[in-house]
Amino acid sequence: MSSVPNTPPWVSEESFLAGPETTQQVELLDGEVIVSPSPNLAHQHIVGGLFLALKTWQKANPKATIGLSPLDLRIAPNRILQPDLFVICDAIAETMPITAVPELIIEVLSSNRSYDRLAKRFVYEEAGVHEYWMVDADRRCIEVVVAGELRVETESVQSSSLEGLLVVDVATLFGPLSTE
């Protein structure tokens, strides 16, 4: 007797978008709905610090749009993701999901690290995202991908894709080391 592999049902983009509004992170990747648990407190603190840095940068770049999860970003057909943060340099329409390709996407790595490091990185590169930051709280670093090239920053990181000066001090972002 042959068995059929247990695969999740394929969901269309239309069905996905017709679902109820939620504050939970729910993404669509090539027909598969991916639901993530709530992030931990450290994750939220890091996202908050990065958001403040982006808002400070935005003062000199008022046309830019800063997205903060949960916010649907249609990166390609059947690919609706919710990055922790993203920046689109031109003004955009407020229709949902957002369809412009960001210049910068930032993900704070969570328990499903391979999803952010592999799947999302591939999807973002394929869509033409200029710069992708993967923030690793465990290693206290920011992994930066520009044009397919990866570099690891442990002191400060400056965006090469945004006009003006966006610099993030890594030590300040993560705060003091715990003495526990």
N, C-alpha and C. Protein backbone atom coordinates (compact mmCIF):
# COMPACT_ATOMS: atom_id res chain seq x y z
N MET A 1 0.84 -1.17 0.00
CA MET A 1 0.00 0.00 0.00
C MET A 1 0.90 1.24 0.00
N SER A 2 0.68 2.13 -0.93
CA SER A 2 1.48 3.35 -0.98
C SER A 2 0.82 4.43 -0.14
N SER A 3 1.66 5.27 0.41
CA SER A 3 1.11 6.35 1.23
C SER A 3 1.32 7.68 0.51
N VAL A 4 0.45 8.60 0.75
CA VAL A 4 0.54 9.94 0.19
C VAL A 4 1.20 10.81 1.25
N PRO A 5 2.24 11.54 0.86
CA PRO A 5 2.89 12.39 1.86
C PRO A 5 1.91 13.41 2.42
N ASN A 6 2.09 13.73 3.68
CA ASN A 6 1.25 14.70 4.34
C ASN A 6 1.75 16.10 3.97
N THR A 7 1.14 16.70 2.97
CA THR A 7 1.54 18.04 2.55
C THR A 7 0.44 19.02 2.89
N PRO A 8 0.83 20.24 3.22
CA PRO A 8 -0.19 21.22 3.54
C PRO A 8 -1.00 21.58 2.29
N PRO A 9 -2.25 21.95 2.47
CA PRO A 9 -3.05 22.31 1.30
C PRO A 9 -2.52 23.60 0.67
N TRP A 10 -2.59 23.68 -0.65
CA TRP A 10 -2.17 24.87 -1.36
C TRP A 10 -3.23 25.94 -1.19
N VAL A 11 -2.80 27.17 -0.88
CA VAL A 11 -3.71 28.28 -0.68
C VAL A 11 -3.41 29.33 -1.72
N SER A 12 -4.43 29.82 -2.39
CA SER A 12 -4.23 30.87 -3.39
C SER A 12 -4.03 32.21 -2.70
N GLU A 13 -3.44 33.13 -3.42
CA GLU A 13 -3.25 34.48 -2.89
C GLU A 13 -4.61 35.12 -2.58
N GLU A 14 -5.59 34.90 -3.43
CA GLU A 14 -6.92 35.46 -3.22
C GLU A 14 -7.54 34.93 -1.92
N SER A 15 -7.42 33.63 -1.69
CA SER A 15 -7.96 33.05 -0.46
C SER A 15 -7.22 33.57 0.76
N PHE A 16 -5.91 33.70 0.64
CA PHE A 16 -5.10 34.21 1.74
C PHE A 16 -5.54 35.62 2.11
N LEU A 17 -5.68 36.48 1.11
CA LEU A 17 -6.04 37.87 1.36
C LEU A 17 -7.48 38.03 1.82
N ALA A 18 -8.32 37.05 1.55
CA ALA A 18 -9.72 37.10 1.98
C ALA A 18 -9.88 36.68 3.44
N GLY A 19 -8.82 36.20 4.06
CA GLY A 19 -8.89 35.76 5.45
C GLY A 19 -9.10 36.93 6.39
N PRO A 20 -9.39 36.64 7.65
CA PRO A 20 -9.64 37.71 8.62
C PRO A 20 -8.36 38.47 8.96
N GLU A 21 -8.53 39.73 9.35
CA GLU A 21 -7.41 40.53 9.81
C GLU A 21 -6.90 39.95 11.12
N THR A 22 -5.58 39.98 11.30
CA THR A 22 -5.01 39.44 12.52
C THR A 22 -3.73 40.19 12.84
N THR A 23 -3.35 40.20 14.11
CA THR A 23 -2.07 40.77 14.50
C THR A 23 -1.00 39.70 14.59
N GLN A 24 -1.38 38.46 14.35
CA GLN A 24 -0.42 37.36 14.34
C GLN A 24 0.34 37.37 13.03
N GLN A 25 1.60 36.94 13.04
CA GLN A 25 2.37 36.89 11.80
C GLN A 25 1.92 35.69 10.97
N VAL A 26 1.31 35.99 9.84
CA VAL A 26 0.83 34.96 8.92
C VAL A 26 1.35 35.34 7.54
N GLU A 27 2.07 34.42 6.91
CA GLU A 27 2.67 34.68 5.61
C GLU A 27 2.25 33.63 4.60
N LEU A 28 2.32 34.00 3.32
CA LEU A 28 2.03 33.08 2.23
C LEU A 28 3.29 32.95 1.39
N LEU A 29 3.79 31.72 1.28
CA LEU A 29 4.99 31.49 0.48
C LEU A 29 4.72 30.33 -0.47
N ASP A 30 4.52 30.68 -1.73
CA ASP A 30 4.29 29.69 -2.79
C ASP A 30 3.16 28.73 -2.45
N GLY A 31 2.04 29.28 -1.97
CA GLY A 31 0.86 28.47 -1.69
C GLY A 31 0.79 27.90 -0.30
N GLU A 32 1.84 28.04 0.49
CA GLU A 32 1.84 27.52 1.86
C GLU A 32 1.66 28.67 2.85
N VAL A 33 0.74 28.50 3.77
CA VAL A 33 0.52 29.50 4.82
C VAL A 33 1.45 29.17 5.99
N ILE A 34 2.22 30.16 6.39
CA ILE A 34 3.18 29.98 7.48
C ILE A 34 2.77 30.88 8.63
N VAL A 35 2.50 30.27 9.77
CA VAL A 35 2.08 31.00 10.96
C VAL A 35 3.21 30.91 11.97
N SER A 36 3.63 32.07 12.45
CA SER A 36 4.74 32.10 13.41
C SER A 36 4.22 32.45 14.79
N PRO A 37 4.85 31.91 15.83
CA PRO A 37 4.45 32.28 17.18
C PRO A 37 4.88 33.72 17.47
N SER A 38 4.33 34.29 18.52
CA SER A 38 4.72 35.64 18.91
C SER A 38 6.21 35.68 19.21
N PRO A 39 6.87 36.78 18.85
CA PRO A 39 8.29 36.89 19.17
C PRO A 39 8.50 37.11 20.67
N ASN A 40 9.73 36.82 21.11
CA ASN A 40 10.03 37.02 22.54
C ASN A 40 10.32 38.49 22.81
N LEU A 41 10.50 38.82 24.07
CA LEU A 41 10.69 40.20 24.48
C LEU A 41 11.97 40.80 23.90
N ALA A 42 13.06 40.04 23.87
CA ALA A 42 14.32 40.55 23.30
C ALA A 42 14.12 40.91 21.83
N HIS A 43 13.42 40.07 21.10
CA HIS A 43 13.12 40.33 19.69
C HIS A 43 12.40 41.66 19.55
N GLN A 44 11.39 41.89 20.38
CA GLN A 44 10.61 43.11 20.31
C GLN A 44 11.46 44.34 20.65
N HIS A 45 12.36 44.23 21.62
CA HIS A 45 13.22 45.35 21.98
C HIS A 45 14.13 45.71 20.81
N ILE A 46 14.67 44.70 20.14
CA ILE A 46 15.55 44.93 19.00
C ILE A 46 14.77 45.59 17.85
N VAL A 47 13.59 45.07 17.55
CA VAL A 47 12.77 45.67 16.50
C VAL A 47 12.45 47.13 16.86
N GLY A 48 12.14 47.38 18.12
CA GLY A 48 11.85 48.74 18.56
C GLY A 48 13.04 49.67 18.37
N GLY A 49 14.23 49.21 18.73
CA GLY A 49 15.44 50.02 18.56
C GLY A 49 15.72 50.31 17.09
N LEU A 50 15.53 49.32 16.24
CA LEU A 50 15.74 49.51 14.81
C LEU A 50 14.69 50.46 14.22
N PHE A 51 13.45 50.34 14.69
CA PHE A 51 12.39 51.23 14.22
C PHE A 51 12.71 52.67 14.58
N LEU A 52 13.20 52.91 15.80
CA LEU A 52 13.58 54.28 16.20
C LEU A 52 14.70 54.82 15.33
N ALA A 53 15.69 53.97 15.01
CA ALA A 53 16.78 54.40 14.13
C ALA A 53 16.25 54.76 12.75
N LEU A 54 15.33 53.95 12.24
CA LEU A 54 14.74 54.22 10.92
C LEU A 54 13.89 55.49 10.95
N LYS A 55 13.14 55.72 12.01
CA LYS A 55 12.33 56.94 12.11
C LYS A 55 13.22 58.18 12.16
N THR A 56 14.35 58.09 12.84
CA THR A 56 15.29 59.21 12.88
C THR A 56 15.84 59.48 11.48
N TRP A 57 16.21 58.42 10.77
CA TRP A 57 16.69 58.55 9.38
C TRP A 57 15.59 59.15 8.50
N GLN A 58 14.35 58.76 8.72
CA GLN A 58 13.23 59.19 7.88
C GLN A 58 13.00 60.70 7.95
N LYS A 59 13.40 61.35 9.04
CA LYS A 59 13.22 62.80 9.14
C LYS A 59 13.89 63.53 7.99
N ALA A 60 15.02 63.02 7.52
CA ALA A 60 15.72 63.62 6.38
C ALA A 60 15.23 63.03 5.05
N ASN A 61 14.37 62.04 5.12
CA ASN A 61 13.86 61.34 3.93
C ASN A 61 12.35 61.14 4.07
N PRO A 62 11.58 62.23 4.10
CA PRO A 62 10.16 62.13 4.42
C PRO A 62 9.30 61.36 3.42
N LYS A 63 9.78 61.16 2.20
CA LYS A 63 9.00 60.38 1.23
C LYS A 63 9.07 58.89 1.51
N ALA A 64 10.04 58.47 2.30
CA ALA A 64 10.23 57.04 2.56
C ALA A 64 9.09 56.48 3.40
N THR A 65 8.80 55.22 3.16
CA THR A 65 7.81 54.48 3.93
C THR A 65 8.53 53.43 4.75
N ILE A 66 8.24 53.38 6.03
CA ILE A 66 8.81 52.36 6.90
C ILE A 66 7.69 51.40 7.28
N GLY A 67 7.89 50.12 7.01
CA GLY A 67 6.92 49.10 7.37
C GLY A 67 7.36 48.37 8.62
N LEU A 68 6.41 48.09 9.50
CA LEU A 68 6.66 47.41 10.76
C LEU A 68 5.68 46.25 10.87
N SER A 69 6.18 45.06 11.11
CA SER A 69 5.35 43.85 11.17
C SER A 69 4.34 43.96 12.31
N PRO A 70 3.15 43.41 12.14
CA PRO A 70 2.67 42.65 10.99
C PRO A 70 2.08 43.58 9.92
N LEU A 71 2.66 43.54 8.73
CA LEU A 71 2.20 44.33 7.60
C LEU A 71 2.49 43.53 6.34
N ASP A 72 1.46 43.26 5.56
CA ASP A 72 1.62 42.41 4.37
C ASP A 72 2.37 43.12 3.26
N LEU A 73 3.41 42.44 2.78
CA LEU A 73 4.23 42.91 1.67
C LEU A 73 4.19 41.84 0.59
N ARG A 74 3.57 42.17 -0.55
CA ARG A 74 3.48 41.21 -1.66
C ARG A 74 4.77 41.34 -2.47
N ILE A 75 5.68 40.46 -2.23
CA ILE A 75 7.01 40.51 -2.83
C ILE A 75 7.01 39.91 -4.24
N ALA A 76 6.03 39.06 -4.52
CA ALA A 76 5.85 38.42 -5.83
C ALA A 76 4.51 37.69 -5.78
N PRO A 77 4.01 37.24 -6.93
CA PRO A 77 2.76 36.47 -6.89
C PRO A 77 2.87 35.28 -5.95
N ASN A 78 1.86 35.09 -5.11
CA ASN A 78 1.80 34.01 -4.13
C ASN A 78 2.91 34.07 -3.09
N ARG A 79 3.47 35.26 -2.90
CA ARG A 79 4.52 35.46 -1.89
C ARG A 79 4.20 36.74 -1.12
N ILE A 80 3.48 36.59 -0.03
CA ILE A 80 3.11 37.71 0.81
C ILE A 80 3.77 37.48 2.17
N LEU A 81 4.76 38.30 2.46
CA LEU A 81 5.54 38.12 3.68
C LEU A 81 5.35 39.31 4.61
N GLN A 82 5.77 39.15 5.84
CA GLN A 82 5.68 40.20 6.85
C GLN A 82 7.05 40.39 7.51
N PRO A 83 7.96 41.07 6.83
CA PRO A 83 9.27 41.30 7.45
C PRO A 83 9.11 42.11 8.74
N ASP A 84 10.06 41.96 9.64
CA ASP A 84 9.99 42.75 10.88
C ASP A 84 9.97 44.23 10.55
N LEU A 85 10.84 44.65 9.63
CA LEU A 85 10.92 46.05 9.20
C LEU A 85 11.28 46.10 7.73
N PHE A 86 10.83 47.13 7.04
CA PHE A 86 11.28 47.36 5.68
C PHE A 86 11.19 48.84 5.35
N VAL A 87 11.98 49.25 4.34
CA VAL A 87 11.99 50.64 3.90
C VAL A 87 11.80 50.69 2.40
N ILE A 88 10.83 51.50 1.98
CA ILE A 88 10.61 51.80 0.58
C ILE A 88 10.86 53.29 0.44
N CYS A 89 11.78 53.68 -0.43
CA CYS A 89 12.22 55.07 -0.48
C CYS A 89 11.24 56.03 -1.14
N ASP A 90 10.39 55.54 -1.99
CA ASP A 90 9.40 56.41 -2.62
C ASP A 90 8.07 56.28 -1.91
N ALA A 91 7.26 57.34 -2.01
CA ALA A 91 5.92 57.28 -1.44
C ALA A 91 5.14 56.15 -2.13
N ILE A 92 4.30 55.48 -1.39
CA ILE A 92 3.54 54.35 -1.94
C ILE A 92 2.05 54.55 -1.68
N ALA A 93 1.25 53.85 -2.46
CA ALA A 93 -0.19 53.84 -2.22
C ALA A 93 -0.46 53.06 -0.95
N GLU A 94 -1.53 53.40 -0.27
CA GLU A 94 -1.84 52.73 0.99
C GLU A 94 -2.72 51.50 0.80
N THR A 95 -2.80 50.99 -0.42
CA THR A 95 -3.58 49.77 -0.63
C THR A 95 -2.83 48.58 -0.06
N MET A 96 -3.59 47.58 0.31
CA MET A 96 -2.98 46.38 0.89
C MET A 96 -3.22 45.19 -0.01
N PRO A 97 -2.30 44.27 -0.13
CA PRO A 97 -0.97 44.34 0.46
C PRO A 97 -0.09 45.34 -0.28
N ILE A 98 0.97 45.77 0.37
CA ILE A 98 1.94 46.66 -0.26
C ILE A 98 2.65 45.87 -1.36
N THR A 99 2.82 46.49 -2.53
CA THR A 99 3.40 45.76 -3.66
C THR A 99 4.75 46.31 -4.12
N ALA A 100 5.22 47.39 -3.56
CA ALA A 100 6.52 47.94 -3.96
C ALA A 100 7.65 47.08 -3.38
N VAL A 101 8.77 47.02 -4.09
CA VAL A 101 9.92 46.26 -3.61
C VAL A 101 10.77 47.17 -2.72
N PRO A 102 11.00 46.79 -1.48
CA PRO A 102 11.78 47.63 -0.57
C PRO A 102 13.26 47.72 -0.96
N GLU A 103 13.86 48.82 -0.57
CA GLU A 103 15.31 48.96 -0.70
C GLU A 103 16.01 48.19 0.42
N LEU A 104 15.39 48.16 1.59
CA LEU A 104 15.97 47.48 2.76
C LEU A 104 14.89 46.67 3.46
N ILE A 105 15.23 45.42 3.80
CA ILE A 105 14.38 44.58 4.64
C ILE A 105 15.23 44.11 5.81
N ILE A 106 14.62 44.14 7.00
CA ILE A 106 15.30 43.70 8.22
C ILE A 106 14.47 42.62 8.89
N GLU A 107 15.11 41.50 9.18
CA GLU A 107 14.49 40.42 9.96
C GLU A 107 15.34 40.19 11.20
N VAL A 108 14.69 40.15 12.36
CA VAL A 108 15.36 39.73 13.58
C VAL A 108 15.16 38.23 13.65
N LEU A 109 16.25 37.48 13.66
CA LEU A 109 16.15 36.03 13.60
C LEU A 109 15.38 35.50 14.80
N SER A 110 14.50 34.55 14.52
CA SER A 110 13.67 33.96 15.56
C SER A 110 14.02 32.49 15.72
N SER A 111 13.14 31.75 16.33
CA SER A 111 13.41 30.33 16.56
C SER A 111 13.53 29.55 15.25
N ASN A 112 12.85 30.00 14.20
CA ASN A 112 12.93 29.35 12.90
C ASN A 112 13.97 30.08 12.04
N ARG A 113 15.22 29.99 12.45
CA ARG A 113 16.30 30.75 11.84
C ARG A 113 16.52 30.40 10.36
N SER A 114 16.32 29.16 10.00
CA SER A 114 16.57 28.77 8.61
C SER A 114 15.54 29.41 7.68
N TYR A 115 14.35 29.67 8.17
CA TYR A 115 13.33 30.32 7.35
C TYR A 115 13.80 31.73 6.97
N ASP A 116 14.30 32.50 7.95
CA ASP A 116 14.81 33.85 7.68
C ASP A 116 16.11 33.82 6.88
N ARG A 117 17.01 32.91 7.24
CA ARG A 117 18.34 32.88 6.61
C ARG A 117 18.32 32.32 5.19
N LEU A 118 17.47 31.35 4.93
CA LEU A 118 17.48 30.70 3.62
C LEU A 118 16.28 31.07 2.77
N ALA A 119 15.10 30.69 3.22
CA ALA A 119 13.90 30.88 2.40
C ALA A 119 13.65 32.36 2.11
N LYS A 120 13.58 33.16 3.16
CA LYS A 120 13.29 34.58 2.94
C LYS A 120 14.43 35.28 2.20
N ARG A 121 15.66 34.95 2.52
CA ARG A 121 16.79 35.57 1.80
C ARG A 121 16.67 35.30 0.30
N PHE A 122 16.38 34.07 -0.08
CA PHE A 122 16.24 33.72 -1.49
C PHE A 122 15.09 34.50 -2.13
N VAL A 123 13.95 34.53 -1.46
CA VAL A 123 12.77 35.22 -2.01
C VAL A 123 13.06 36.71 -2.16
N TYR A 124 13.68 37.32 -1.16
CA TYR A 124 13.99 38.75 -1.23
C TYR A 124 14.98 39.05 -2.35
N GLU A 125 16.03 38.24 -2.47
CA GLU A 125 17.00 38.45 -3.55
C GLU A 125 16.35 38.31 -4.91
N GLU A 126 15.52 37.28 -5.06
CA GLU A 126 14.84 37.04 -6.33
C GLU A 126 13.91 38.20 -6.70
N ALA A 127 13.31 38.85 -5.70
CA ALA A 127 12.39 39.95 -5.94
C ALA A 127 13.11 41.27 -6.23
N GLY A 128 14.43 41.32 -5.99
CA GLY A 128 15.18 42.54 -6.27
C GLY A 128 15.37 43.46 -5.08
N VAL A 129 15.20 42.93 -3.86
CA VAL A 129 15.45 43.74 -2.67
C VAL A 129 16.95 44.09 -2.66
N HIS A 130 17.25 45.36 -2.48
CA HIS A 130 18.64 45.83 -2.56
C HIS A 130 19.50 45.33 -1.39
N GLU A 131 18.93 45.35 -0.19
CA GLU A 131 19.72 45.07 1.01
C GLU A 131 18.85 44.33 2.02
N TYR A 132 19.43 43.31 2.65
CA TYR A 132 18.71 42.48 3.62
C TYR A 132 19.58 42.32 4.85
N TRP A 133 19.04 42.71 6.02
CA TRP A 133 19.74 42.56 7.29
C TRP A 133 19.08 41.43 8.07
N MET A 134 19.90 40.50 8.57
CA MET A 134 19.45 39.46 9.48
C MET A 134 20.11 39.72 10.82
N VAL A 135 19.30 40.09 11.79
CA VAL A 135 19.81 40.50 13.10
C VAL A 135 19.83 39.27 14.00
N ASP A 136 21.03 38.91 14.46
CA ASP A 136 21.23 37.71 15.26
C ASP A 136 21.55 38.10 16.70
N ALA A 137 20.54 38.05 17.56
CA ALA A 137 20.72 38.44 18.96
C ALA A 137 21.64 37.47 19.70
N ASP A 138 21.61 36.19 19.35
CA ASP A 138 22.47 35.21 20.02
C ASP A 138 23.94 35.50 19.77
N ARG A 139 24.28 35.87 18.55
CA ARG A 139 25.67 36.15 18.19
C ARG A 139 26.00 37.64 18.28
N ARG A 140 24.99 38.46 18.61
CA ARG A 140 25.16 39.91 18.76
C ARG A 140 25.81 40.52 17.52
N CYS A 141 25.19 40.22 16.38
CA CYS A 141 25.70 40.74 15.12
C CYS A 141 24.55 40.98 14.15
N ILE A 142 24.87 41.69 13.08
CA ILE A 142 23.92 41.90 12.00
C ILE A 142 24.57 41.38 10.72
N GLU A 143 23.91 40.42 10.09
CA GLU A 143 24.39 39.86 8.84
C GLU A 143 23.73 40.68 7.72
N VAL A 144 24.56 41.25 6.86
CA VAL A 144 24.07 42.14 5.81
C VAL A 144 24.31 41.48 4.46
N VAL A 145 23.24 41.42 3.65
CA VAL A 145 23.35 40.86 2.30
C VAL A 145 23.05 41.98 1.31
N VAL A 146 24.03 42.26 0.45
CA VAL A 146 23.88 43.23 -0.62
C VAL A 146 24.38 42.56 -1.89
N ALA A 147 23.55 42.53 -2.92
CA ALA A 147 23.91 41.92 -4.22
C ALA A 147 24.43 40.50 -4.04
N GLY A 148 23.78 39.75 -3.15
CA GLY A 148 24.14 38.35 -2.95
C GLY A 148 25.36 38.12 -2.08
N GLU A 149 26.05 39.19 -1.70
CA GLU A 149 27.25 39.08 -0.87
C GLU A 149 26.89 39.29 0.60
N LEU A 150 27.39 38.40 1.46
CA LEU A 150 27.11 38.46 2.89
C LEU A 150 28.32 38.99 3.65
N ARG A 151 28.05 39.92 4.56
CA ARG A 151 29.08 40.36 5.50
C ARG A 151 28.47 40.40 6.89
N VAL A 152 29.29 40.22 7.90
CA VAL A 152 28.82 40.19 9.28
C VAL A 152 29.38 41.40 10.00
N GLU A 153 28.48 42.17 10.60
CA GLU A 153 28.88 43.39 11.32
C GLU A 153 28.66 43.19 12.81
N THR A 154 29.68 43.51 13.62
CA THR A 154 29.57 43.36 15.07
C THR A 154 29.71 44.69 15.82
N GLU A 155 30.11 45.74 15.11
CA GLU A 155 30.27 47.04 15.77
C GLU A 155 29.22 48.04 15.33
N SER A 156 29.17 48.32 14.03
CA SER A 156 28.13 49.19 13.51
C SER A 156 27.83 48.76 12.08
N VAL A 157 26.63 49.11 11.64
CA VAL A 157 26.23 48.78 10.28
C VAL A 157 25.63 50.03 9.66
N GLN A 158 26.04 50.29 8.43
CA GLN A 158 25.52 51.42 7.68
C GLN A 158 24.87 50.89 6.42
N SER A 159 23.67 51.37 6.15
CA SER A 159 22.97 50.93 4.95
C SER A 159 23.64 51.50 3.72
N SER A 160 23.83 50.65 2.73
CA SER A 160 24.39 51.10 1.45
C SER A 160 23.29 51.36 0.43
N SER A 161 22.05 51.09 0.79
CA SER A 161 20.94 51.21 -0.15
C SER A 161 20.05 52.42 0.09
N LEU A 162 20.17 53.04 1.24
CA LEU A 162 19.32 54.18 1.56
C LEU A 162 20.09 55.48 1.40
N GLU A 163 19.43 56.49 0.82
CA GLU A 163 20.04 57.81 0.73
C GLU A 163 20.15 58.39 2.13
N GLY A 164 21.19 59.18 2.35
CA GLY A 164 21.38 59.75 3.68
C GLY A 164 22.12 58.76 4.55
N LEU A 165 22.21 59.07 5.79
CA LEU A 165 23.04 58.27 6.69
C LEU A 165 22.17 57.49 7.67
N LEU A 166 22.12 56.16 7.48
CA LEU A 166 21.49 55.27 8.45
C LEU A 166 22.59 54.37 9.00
N VAL A 167 22.96 54.63 10.24
CA VAL A 167 23.98 53.83 10.91
C VAL A 167 23.38 53.30 12.20
N VAL A 168 23.59 52.00 12.45
CA VAL A 168 23.10 51.38 13.67
C VAL A 168 24.30 50.86 14.45
N ASP A 169 24.40 51.28 15.71
CA ASP A 169 25.45 50.80 16.60
C ASP A 169 24.98 49.46 17.17
N VAL A 170 25.72 48.41 16.87
CA VAL A 170 25.29 47.06 17.22
C VAL A 170 25.25 46.86 18.73
N ALA A 171 26.27 47.31 19.46
CA ALA A 171 26.30 47.12 20.91
C ALA A 171 25.11 47.82 21.58
N THR A 172 24.80 49.02 21.12
CA THR A 172 23.66 49.75 21.68
C THR A 172 22.36 49.04 21.37
N LEU A 173 22.25 48.50 20.17
CA LEU A 173 21.04 47.80 19.77
C LEU A 173 20.75 46.61 20.68
N PHE A 174 21.78 45.83 21.02
CA PHE A 174 21.58 44.65 21.84
C PHE A 174 21.62 44.93 23.33
N GLY A 175 22.12 46.08 23.73
CA GLY A 175 22.18 46.42 25.14
C GLY A 175 23.33 45.71 25.83
N PRO A 176 23.45 45.93 27.14
CA PRO A 176 24.55 45.31 27.88
C PRO A 176 24.39 43.79 27.95
N LEU A 177 25.52 43.12 28.05
CA LEU A 177 25.51 41.66 28.21
C LEU A 177 24.92 41.29 29.55
N SER A 178 24.15 40.25 29.58
CA SER A 178 23.55 39.77 30.82
C SER A 178 24.63 39.14 31.68
N THR A 179 24.52 39.29 33.00
CA THR A 179 25.50 38.71 33.92
C THR A 179 24.94 37.48 34.62
N GLU A 180 23.85 36.95 34.09
CA GLU A 180 23.24 35.78 34.71
C GLU A 180 24.09 34.56 34.55
